[in-house]
Amino acid sequence: MSEIFNIYCDESCHLENDRLPIMVLGAVWCPLEKRREIAVRIREIKVQHGLPPNFEIKWVKVSPAKLDFYLAVMDYFFDDDDLHFRGLIADKTKLDHKEYHQTHDDWYYKMYFDMLKVILFPNSRYRIYIDIKDTQSKSKVENLQKLHEVLSNNMYDFRREVIERVQAVHSHEVEQLQLADLLIGTVAYANRNLQTSQAKLELVKRMRERSRYRLTNKTLYWEDKVNLFLWQPNWGRDNDK
């Protein structure tokens, strides 16, 4: 029987007119059978650091007072062999939607496709969960259905036996999504070259040390712990190889 994986996706600075130049999409994935064990361990780390088990891990909440907690969460990610991260970094200042006859949403979901395609294999099965960030529920559902279709067709998975679902969920209910938010925020902070928070800089430093990557360059194509891809316009579909 093929192994089932859960993939948890989030993003940073993805809006077209947010005046933030760097967008980062990211996915944390793990075997389905390990999802509960991982969630329980993350809640235990919260309690060990004096936080309620339902505390939501978020990059925007990183502060000096909670630095030890966030470092512990990041170390747990690197110490657990069942957890993996893939990130896509895109410079939005280089976008020209008119030239490619697309909307920003079209491009956004193309980026999701590029981010996810290299972690999907035909001999496994996948359940993909994407964080809900807006109130455009009907549009969101339609776009997720389209993403499911494109991902499935790329793998000749016309019966949806490989990619079983692409579903929107709330991050405060899912520890793995919260972990994705932390890793994405760290990568985005490094690529935006910000220096506004010493606590966030410490997290960038820790992720660089543990991954052995600068976080601002692409990694090896088959890297499966921290896999990063720098998107550039005018590249072909296999431009991250």
C-alpha atoms as a PDB file:
ATOM      1  CA  MET A   1       0.000   0.000   0.000  1.00  0.00           C
ATOM      2  CA  SER A   2       1.381   3.430  -0.938  1.00  0.00           C
ATOM      3  CA  GLU A   3       2.399   5.781   1.852  1.00  0.00           C
ATOM      4  CA  ILE A   4       0.190   8.816   2.527  1.00  0.00           C
ATOM      5  CA  PHE A   5       1.665  12.245   3.252  1.00  0.00           C
ATOM      6  CA  ASN A   6       0.029  15.394   4.603  1.00  0.00           C
ATOM      7  CA  ILE A   7       1.323  18.651   3.107  1.00  0.00           C
ATOM      8  CA  TYR A   8       0.664  21.930   4.944  1.00  0.00           C
ATOM      9  CA  CYS A   9       1.019  25.142   2.906  1.00  0.00           C
ATOM     10  CA  ASP A  10       1.225  28.820   3.817  1.00  0.00           C
ATOM     11  CA  GLU A  11       2.580  32.044   2.354  1.00  0.00           C
ATOM     12  CA  SER A  12       4.113  35.407   3.239  1.00  0.00           C
ATOM     13  CA  CYS A  13       3.626  38.718   1.417  1.00  0.00           C
ATOM     14  CA  HIS A  14       1.587  37.191  -1.409  1.00  0.00           C
ATOM     15  CA  LEU A  15      -0.743  40.117  -2.160  1.00  0.00           C
ATOM     16  CA  GLU A  16      -0.241  42.064  -5.375  1.00  0.00           C
ATOM     17  CA  ASN A  17      -0.278  45.581  -3.883  1.00  0.00           C
ATOM     18  CA  ASP A  18       1.117  45.039  -0.383  1.00  0.00           C
ATOM     19  CA  ARG A  19       4.303  46.993  -1.309  1.00  0.00           C
ATOM     20  CA  LEU A  20       6.428  44.090  -0.089  1.00  0.00           C
ATOM     21  CA  PRO A  21       8.832  42.903  -2.799  1.00  0.00           C
ATOM     22  CA  ILE A  22       9.465  39.294  -1.760  1.00  0.00           C
ATOM     23  CA  MET A  23       6.822  36.565  -1.624  1.00  0.00           C
ATOM     24  CA  VAL A  24       7.564  33.213  -0.026  1.00  0.00           C
ATOM     25  CA  LEU A  25       5.352  30.156  -0.403  1.00  0.00           C
ATOM     26  CA  GLY A  26       6.158  27.182   1.762  1.00  0.00           C
ATOM     27  CA  ALA A  27       5.068  23.659   2.595  1.00  0.00           C
ATOM     28  CA  VAL A  28       5.769  21.429   5.572  1.00  0.00           C
ATOM     29  CA  TRP A  29       5.076  17.750   4.974  1.00  0.00           C
ATOM     30  CA  CYS A  30       5.091  14.577   7.020  1.00  0.00           C
ATOM     31  CA  PRO A  31       3.711  11.024   6.841  1.00  0.00           C
ATOM     32  CA  LEU A  32       0.006  10.875   7.633  1.00  0.00           C
ATOM     33  CA  GLU A  33       0.624   8.328  10.391  1.00  0.00           C
ATOM     34  CA  LYS A  34       2.964  10.775  12.176  1.00  0.00           C
ATOM     35  CA  ARG A  35       0.683  13.839  12.066  1.00  0.00           C
ATOM     36  CA  ARG A  36      -0.824  13.377  15.531  1.00  0.00           C
ATOM     37  CA  GLU A  37       2.519  12.560  17.175  1.00  0.00           C
ATOM     38  CA  ILE A  38       4.008  15.757  15.681  1.00  0.00           C
ATOM     39  CA  ALA A  39       1.058  17.908  16.744  1.00  0.00           C
ATOM     40  CA  VAL A  40       1.214  16.547  20.294  1.00  0.00           C
ATOM     41  CA  ARG A  41       4.970  17.214  20.518  1.00  0.00           C
ATOM     42  CA  ILE A  42       4.563  20.811  19.376  1.00  0.00           C
ATOM     43  CA  ARG A  43       1.835  21.353  21.977  1.00  0.00           C
ATOM     44  CA  GLU A  44       4.154  19.883  24.615  1.00  0.00           C
ATOM     45  CA  ILE A  45       6.847  22.419  23.638  1.00  0.00           C
ATOM     46  CA  LYS A  46       4.294  25.191  24.079  1.00  0.00           C
ATOM     47  CA  VAL A  47       3.408  24.011  27.589  1.00  0.00           C
ATOM     48  CA  GLN A  48       7.087  23.548  28.516  1.00  0.00           C
ATOM     49  CA  HIS A  49       7.617  27.237  27.748  1.00  0.00           C
ATOM     50  CA  GLY A  50       4.653  28.431  29.795  1.00  0.00           C
ATOM     51  CA  LEU A  51       2.234  28.806  26.915  1.00  0.00           C
ATOM     52  CA  PRO A  52      -1.225  27.259  26.553  1.00  0.00           C
ATOM     53  CA  PRO A  53      -1.364  24.240  24.210  1.00  0.00           C
ATOM     54  CA  ASN A  54      -3.677  26.160  21.874  1.00  0.00           C
ATOM     55  CA  PHE A  55      -1.238  29.082  21.519  1.00  0.00           C
ATOM     56  CA  GLU A  56      -0.862  29.845  17.804  1.00  0.00           C
ATOM     57  CA  ILE A  57       2.707  29.922  16.529  1.00  0.00           C
ATOM     58  CA  LYS A  58       3.031  32.885  14.186  1.00  0.00           C
ATOM     59  CA  TRP A  59       6.018  34.736  12.764  1.00  0.00           C
ATOM     60  CA  VAL A  60       4.442  38.080  13.652  1.00  0.00           C
ATOM     61  CA  LYS A  61       4.363  37.020  17.317  1.00  0.00           C
ATOM     62  CA  VAL A  62       8.134  36.416  17.532  1.00  0.00           C
ATOM     63  CA  SER A  63       9.589  38.543  20.335  1.00  0.00           C
ATOM     64  CA  PRO A  64      12.573  38.486  22.712  1.00  0.00           C
ATOM     65  CA  ALA A  65      10.320  37.155  25.502  1.00  0.00           C
ATOM     66  CA  LYS A  66       9.330  34.118  23.421  1.00  0.00           C
ATOM     67  CA  LEU A  67      12.627  33.596  21.576  1.00  0.00           C
ATOM     68  CA  ASP A  68      13.593  30.436  23.499  1.00  0.00           C
ATOM     69  CA  PHE A  69      10.224  28.916  22.634  1.00  0.00           C
ATOM     70  CA  TYR A  70      10.515  29.681  18.918  1.00  0.00           C
ATOM     71  CA  LEU A  71      14.085  28.362  18.834  1.00  0.00           C
ATOM     72  CA  ALA A  72      12.868  25.146  20.490  1.00  0.00           C
ATOM     73  CA  VAL A  73      10.151  24.744  17.843  1.00  0.00           C
ATOM     74  CA  MET A  74      12.678  25.276  15.060  1.00  0.00           C
ATOM     75  CA  ASP A  75      15.115  22.804  16.615  1.00  0.00           C
ATOM     76  CA  TYR A  76      12.292  20.265  16.867  1.00  0.00           C
ATOM     77  CA  PHE A  77      11.671  20.619  13.125  1.00  0.00           C
ATOM     78  CA  PHE A  78      15.327  19.874  12.359  1.00  0.00           C
ATOM     79  CA  ASP A  79      15.525  17.025  14.884  1.00  0.00           C
ATOM     80  CA  ASP A  80      12.469  15.161  13.599  1.00  0.00           C
ATOM     81  CA  ASP A  81      13.283  13.148  10.468  1.00  0.00           C
ATOM     82  CA  ASP A  82       9.574  12.937   9.555  1.00  0.00           C
ATOM     83  CA  LEU A  83       9.300  16.705   8.967  1.00  0.00           C
ATOM     84  CA  HIS A  84      10.350  18.409   5.718  1.00  0.00           C
ATOM     85  CA  PHE A  85      10.093  21.933   4.259  1.00  0.00           C
ATOM     86  CA  ARG A  86       9.978  23.278   0.709  1.00  0.00           C
ATOM     87  CA  GLY A  87       9.976  27.038   0.045  1.00  0.00           C
ATOM     88  CA  LEU A  88       9.566  29.125  -3.104  1.00  0.00           C
ATOM     89  CA  ILE A  89      10.965  32.674  -3.103  1.00  0.00           C
ATOM     90  CA  ALA A  90       9.730  35.158  -5.716  1.00  0.00           C
ATOM     91  CA  ASP A  91      10.655  38.784  -6.365  1.00  0.00           C
ATOM     92  CA  LYS A  92       7.323  40.487  -7.088  1.00  0.00           C
ATOM     93  CA  THR A  93       9.014  43.582  -8.514  1.00  0.00           C
ATOM     94  CA  LYS A  94       9.788  41.535 -11.652  1.00  0.00           C
ATOM     95  CA  LEU A  95       6.182  40.610 -12.390  1.00  0.00           C
ATOM     96  CA  ASP A  96       4.488  41.593 -15.649  1.00  0.00           C
ATOM     97  CA  HIS A  97       1.055  40.004 -15.637  1.00  0.00           C
ATOM     98  CA  LYS A  98      -0.106  41.772 -18.797  1.00  0.00           C
ATOM     99  CA  GLU A  99       2.719  40.246 -20.833  1.00  0.00           C
ATOM    100  CA  TYR A 100       1.655  36.750 -19.808  1.00  0.00           C
ATOM    101  CA  HIS A 101      -2.098  37.432 -20.006  1.00  0.00           C
ATOM    102  CA  GLN A 102      -2.693  36.467 -16.414  1.00  0.00           C
ATOM    103  CA  THR A 103      -4.074  37.891 -13.196  1.00  0.00           C
ATOM    104  CA  HIS A 104      -2.112  38.007  -9.978  1.00  0.00           C
ATOM    105  CA  ASP A 105      -4.198  35.095  -8.706  1.00  0.00           C
ATOM    106  CA  ASP A 106      -3.312  33.088 -11.831  1.00  0.00           C
ATOM    107  CA  TRP A 107       0.377  33.681 -11.170  1.00  0.00           C
ATOM    108  CA  TYR A 108      -0.031  32.934  -7.453  1.00  0.00           C
ATOM    109  CA  TYR A 109      -1.432  29.478  -8.124  1.00  0.00           C
ATOM    110  CA  LYS A 110       1.196  28.833 -10.783  1.00  0.00           C
ATOM    111  CA  MET A 111       3.739  29.471  -8.032  1.00  0.00           C
ATOM    112  CA  TYR A 112       1.913  27.000  -5.798  1.00  0.00           C
ATOM    113  CA  PHE A 113       2.219  24.458  -8.601  1.00  0.00           C
ATOM    114  CA  ASP A 114       5.973  25.117  -8.946  1.00  0.00           C
ATOM    115  CA  MET A 115       6.422  24.899  -5.189  1.00  0.00           C
ATOM    116  CA  LEU A 116       4.570  21.596  -4.821  1.00  0.00           C
ATOM    117  CA  LYS A 117       5.453  19.667  -7.974  1.00  0.00           C
ATOM    118  CA  VAL A 118       8.909  18.495  -6.872  1.00  0.00           C
ATOM    119  CA  ILE A 119       7.715  16.908  -3.617  1.00  0.00           C
ATOM    120  CA  LEU A 120       5.001  14.788  -5.251  1.00  0.00           C
ATOM    121  CA  PHE A 121       5.757  11.234  -6.394  1.00  0.00           C
ATOM    122  CA  PRO A 122       3.385   8.880  -8.234  1.00  0.00           C
ATOM    123  CA  ASN A 123       4.017   5.969  -5.867  1.00  0.00           C
ATOM    124  CA  SER A 124       2.720   7.908  -2.836  1.00  0.00           C
ATOM    125  CA  ARG A 125      -0.552   9.622  -1.907  1.00  0.00           C
ATOM    126  CA  TYR A 126      -1.027  13.191  -0.708  1.00  0.00           C
ATOM    127  CA  ARG A 127      -3.476  15.351   1.200  1.00  0.00           C
ATOM    128  CA  ILE A 128      -2.717  19.049   0.770  1.00  0.00           C
ATOM    129  CA  TYR A 129      -3.936  21.648   3.276  1.00  0.00           C
ATOM    130  CA  ILE A 130      -3.666  25.392   2.571  1.00  0.00           C
ATOM    131  CA  ASP A 131      -4.163  28.107   5.193  1.00  0.00           C
ATOM    132  CA  ILE A 132      -7.282  30.283   4.833  1.00  0.00           C
ATOM    133  CA  LYS A 133      -6.283  33.943   4.835  1.00  0.00           C
ATOM    134  CA  ASP A 134      -9.197  35.847   3.315  1.00  0.00           C
ATOM    135  CA  THR A 135     -12.993  35.990   3.193  1.00  0.00           C
ATOM    136  CA  GLN A 136     -13.301  35.232  -0.523  1.00  0.00           C
ATOM    137  CA  SER A 137     -14.396  31.680   0.219  1.00  0.00           C
ATOM    138  CA  LYS A 138     -16.084  30.945  -3.122  1.00  0.00           C
ATOM    139  CA  SER A 139     -13.092  32.220  -5.110  1.00  0.00           C
ATOM    140  CA  LYS A 140     -10.724  30.354  -2.791  1.00  0.00           C
ATOM    141  CA  VAL A 141     -12.565  27.059  -3.272  1.00  0.00           C
ATOM    142  CA  GLU A 142     -12.594  27.488  -7.051  1.00  0.00           C
ATOM    143  CA  ASN A 143      -8.871  28.239  -7.097  1.00  0.00           C
ATOM    144  CA  LEU A 144      -8.087  25.241  -4.896  1.00  0.00           C
ATOM    145  CA  GLN A 145     -10.106  23.029  -7.203  1.00  0.00           C
ATOM    146  CA  LYS A 146      -8.117  24.371 -10.139  1.00  0.00           C
ATOM    147  CA  LEU A 147      -4.832  23.779  -8.303  1.00  0.00           C
ATOM    148  CA  HIS A 148      -5.927  20.210  -7.544  1.00  0.00           C
ATOM    149  CA  GLU A 149      -6.764  19.686 -11.216  1.00  0.00           C
ATOM    150  CA  VAL A 150      -3.439  21.070 -12.486  1.00  0.00           C
ATOM    151  CA  LEU A 151      -1.365  19.094  -9.984  1.00  0.00           C
ATOM    152  CA  SER A 152      -3.263  15.892 -10.753  1.00  0.00           C
ATOM    153  CA  ASN A 153      -3.084  16.319 -14.523  1.00  0.00           C
ATOM    154  CA  ASN A 154       0.669  16.932 -14.337  1.00  0.00           C
ATOM    155  CA  MET A 155       1.015  13.497 -12.732  1.00  0.00           C
ATOM    156  CA  TYR A 156      -1.577  11.810 -15.010  1.00  0.00           C
ATOM    157  CA  ASP A 157      -3.563  11.331 -11.820  1.00  0.00           C
ATOM    158  CA  PHE A 158      -6.956  11.671 -13.498  1.00  0.00           C
ATOM    159  CA  ARG A 159      -8.695   9.514 -10.886  1.00  0.00           C
ATOM    160  CA  ARG A 160      -7.268  11.584  -7.991  1.00  0.00           C
ATOM    161  CA  GLU A 161      -5.570   8.551  -6.503  1.00  0.00           C
ATOM    162  CA  VAL A 162      -2.228  10.293  -5.903  1.00  0.00           C
ATOM    163  CA  ILE A 163      -3.413  13.741  -4.814  1.00  0.00           C
ATOM    164  CA  GLU A 164      -6.459  12.847  -2.767  1.00  0.00           C
ATOM    165  CA  ARG A 165      -7.446  16.348  -1.718  1.00  0.00           C
ATOM    166  CA  VAL A 166      -6.492  20.040  -1.764  1.00  0.00           C
ATOM    167  CA  GLN A 167      -8.341  21.677   1.106  1.00  0.00           C
ATOM    168  CA  ALA A 168      -8.414  25.039   2.894  1.00  0.00           C
ATOM    169  CA  VAL A 169      -8.036  24.956   6.697  1.00  0.00           C
ATOM    170  CA  HIS A 170      -7.466  27.376   9.576  1.00  0.00           C
ATOM    171  CA  SER A 171      -3.896  27.564  10.879  1.00  0.00           C
ATOM    172  CA  HIS A 172      -4.898  27.996  14.531  1.00  0.00           C
ATOM    173  CA  GLU A 173      -6.286  24.452  14.414  1.00  0.00           C
ATOM    174  CA  VAL A 174      -3.216  22.798  12.836  1.00  0.00           C
ATOM    175  CA  GLU A 175       0.225  22.768  14.473  1.00  0.00           C
ATOM    176  CA  GLN A 176       2.009  21.813  11.246  1.00  0.00           C
ATOM    177  CA  LEU A 177       0.592  24.895   9.512  1.00  0.00           C
ATOM    178  CA  GLN A 178       1.889  27.002  12.368  1.00  0.00           C
ATOM    179  CA  LEU A 179       5.315  25.440  11.897  1.00  0.00           C
ATOM    180  CA  ALA A 180       5.117  26.298   8.189  1.00  0.00           C
ATOM    181  CA  ASP A 181       4.331  29.916   9.096  1.00  0.00           C
ATOM    182  CA  LEU A 182       7.443  30.085  11.286  1.00  0.00           C
ATOM    183  CA  LEU A 183       9.781  28.643   8.641  1.00  0.00           C
ATOM    184  CA  ILE A 184       8.296  30.770   5.850  1.00  0.00           C
ATOM    185  CA  GLY A 185       8.603  33.893   7.984  1.00  0.00           C
ATOM    186  CA  THR A 186      12.247  33.110   8.693  1.00  0.00           C
ATOM    187  CA  VAL A 187      13.053  32.604   4.999  1.00  0.00           C
ATOM    188  CA  ALA A 188      11.153  35.756   4.021  1.00  0.00           C
ATOM    189  CA  TYR A 189      12.962  37.824   6.679  1.00  0.00           C
ATOM    190  CA  ALA A 190      16.323  36.632   5.395  1.00  0.00           C
ATOM    191  CA  ASN A 191      15.441  37.398   1.776  1.00  0.00           C
ATOM    192  CA  ARG A 192      14.051  40.836   2.568  1.00  0.00           C
ATOM    193  CA  ASN A 193      17.346  41.530   4.400  1.00  0.00           C
ATOM    194  CA  LEU A 194      15.540  43.014   7.395  1.00  0.00           C
ATOM    195  CA  GLN A 195      17.254  43.978  10.641  1.00  0.00           C
ATOM    196  CA  THR A 196      14.293  45.227  12.689  1.00  0.00           C
ATOM    197  CA  SER A 197      14.126  42.445  15.303  1.00  0.00           C
ATOM    198  CA  GLN A 198      17.018  40.800  17.103  1.00  0.00           C
ATOM    199  CA  ALA A 199      14.806  37.857  18.000  1.00  0.00           C
ATOM    200  CA  LYS A 200      13.921  37.252  14.350  1.00  0.00           C
ATOM    201  CA  LEU A 201      17.567  37.581  13.381  1.00  0.00           C
ATOM    202  CA  GLU A 202      18.368  34.855  15.913  1.00  0.00           C
ATOM    203  CA  LEU A 203      15.840  32.576  14.221  1.00  0.00           C
ATOM    204  CA  VAL A 204      17.380  33.302  10.813  1.00  0.00           C
ATOM    205  CA  LYS A 205      20.789  32.467  12.277  1.00  0.00           C
ATOM    206  CA  ARG A 206      19.518  29.202  13.788  1.00  0.00           C
ATOM    207  CA  MET A 207      17.850  28.096  10.559  1.00  0.00           C
ATOM    208  CA  ARG A 208      21.011  28.861   8.605  1.00  0.00           C
ATOM    209  CA  GLU A 209      23.112  26.878  11.069  1.00  0.00           C
ATOM    210  CA  ARG A 210      20.811  23.858  11.158  1.00  0.00           C
ATOM    211  CA  SER A 211      20.111  23.749   7.408  1.00  0.00           C
ATOM    212  CA  ARG A 212      23.648  24.726   6.325  1.00  0.00           C
ATOM    213  CA  TYR A 213      22.081  27.005   3.712  1.00  0.00           C
ATOM    214  CA  ARG A 214      22.098  30.799   3.458  1.00  0.00           C
ATOM    215  CA  LEU A 215      18.319  30.806   2.818  1.00  0.00           C
ATOM    216  CA  THR A 216      18.786  33.363   0.020  1.00  0.00           C
ATOM    217  CA  ASN A 217      19.978  30.886  -2.626  1.00  0.00           C
ATOM    218  CA  LYS A 218      18.335  27.828  -4.108  1.00  0.00           C
ATOM    219  CA  THR A 219      19.255  24.471  -2.629  1.00  0.00           C
ATOM    220  CA  LEU A 220      20.014  21.208  -4.356  1.00  0.00           C
ATOM    221  CA  TYR A 221      16.991  20.017  -6.328  1.00  0.00           C
ATOM    222  CA  TRP A 222      16.518  16.824  -4.284  1.00  0.00           C
ATOM    223  CA  GLU A 223      17.254  18.334  -0.874  1.00  0.00           C
ATOM    224  CA  ASP A 224      14.404  17.057   1.301  1.00  0.00           C
ATOM    225  CA  LYS A 225      14.862  18.725   4.700  1.00  0.00           C
ATOM    226  CA  VAL A 226      15.007  22.384   3.677  1.00  0.00           C
ATOM    227  CA  ASN A 227      14.446  22.705  -0.056  1.00  0.00           C
ATOM    228  CA  LEU A 228      14.440  26.241  -1.494  1.00  0.00           C
ATOM    229  CA  PHE A 229      13.714  27.470  -5.018  1.00  0.00           C
ATOM    230  CA  LEU A 230      14.261  31.038  -6.283  1.00  0.00           C
ATOM    231  CA  TRP A 231      11.652  31.745  -8.942  1.00  0.00           C
ATOM    232  CA  GLN A 232      12.625  33.969 -11.856  1.00  0.00           C
ATOM    233  CA  PRO A 233      10.378  35.202 -14.720  1.00  0.00           C
ATOM    234  CA  ASN A 234      10.877  33.848 -18.260  1.00  0.00           C
ATOM    235  CA  TRP A 235      12.145  30.510 -17.001  1.00  0.00           C
ATOM    236  CA  GLY A 236      10.734  27.234 -18.258  1.00  0.00           C
ATOM    237  CA  ARG A 237       8.748  24.742 -16.234  1.00  0.00           C
ATOM    238  CA  ASP A 238      11.852  22.872 -15.142  1.00  0.00           C
ATOM    239  CA  ASN A 239      13.733  26.019 -14.177  1.00  0.00           C
ATOM    240  CA  ASP A 240      14.440  24.856 -10.640  1.00  0.00           C
ATOM    241  CA  LYS A 241      16.467  21.853 -11.717  1.00  0.00           C
END
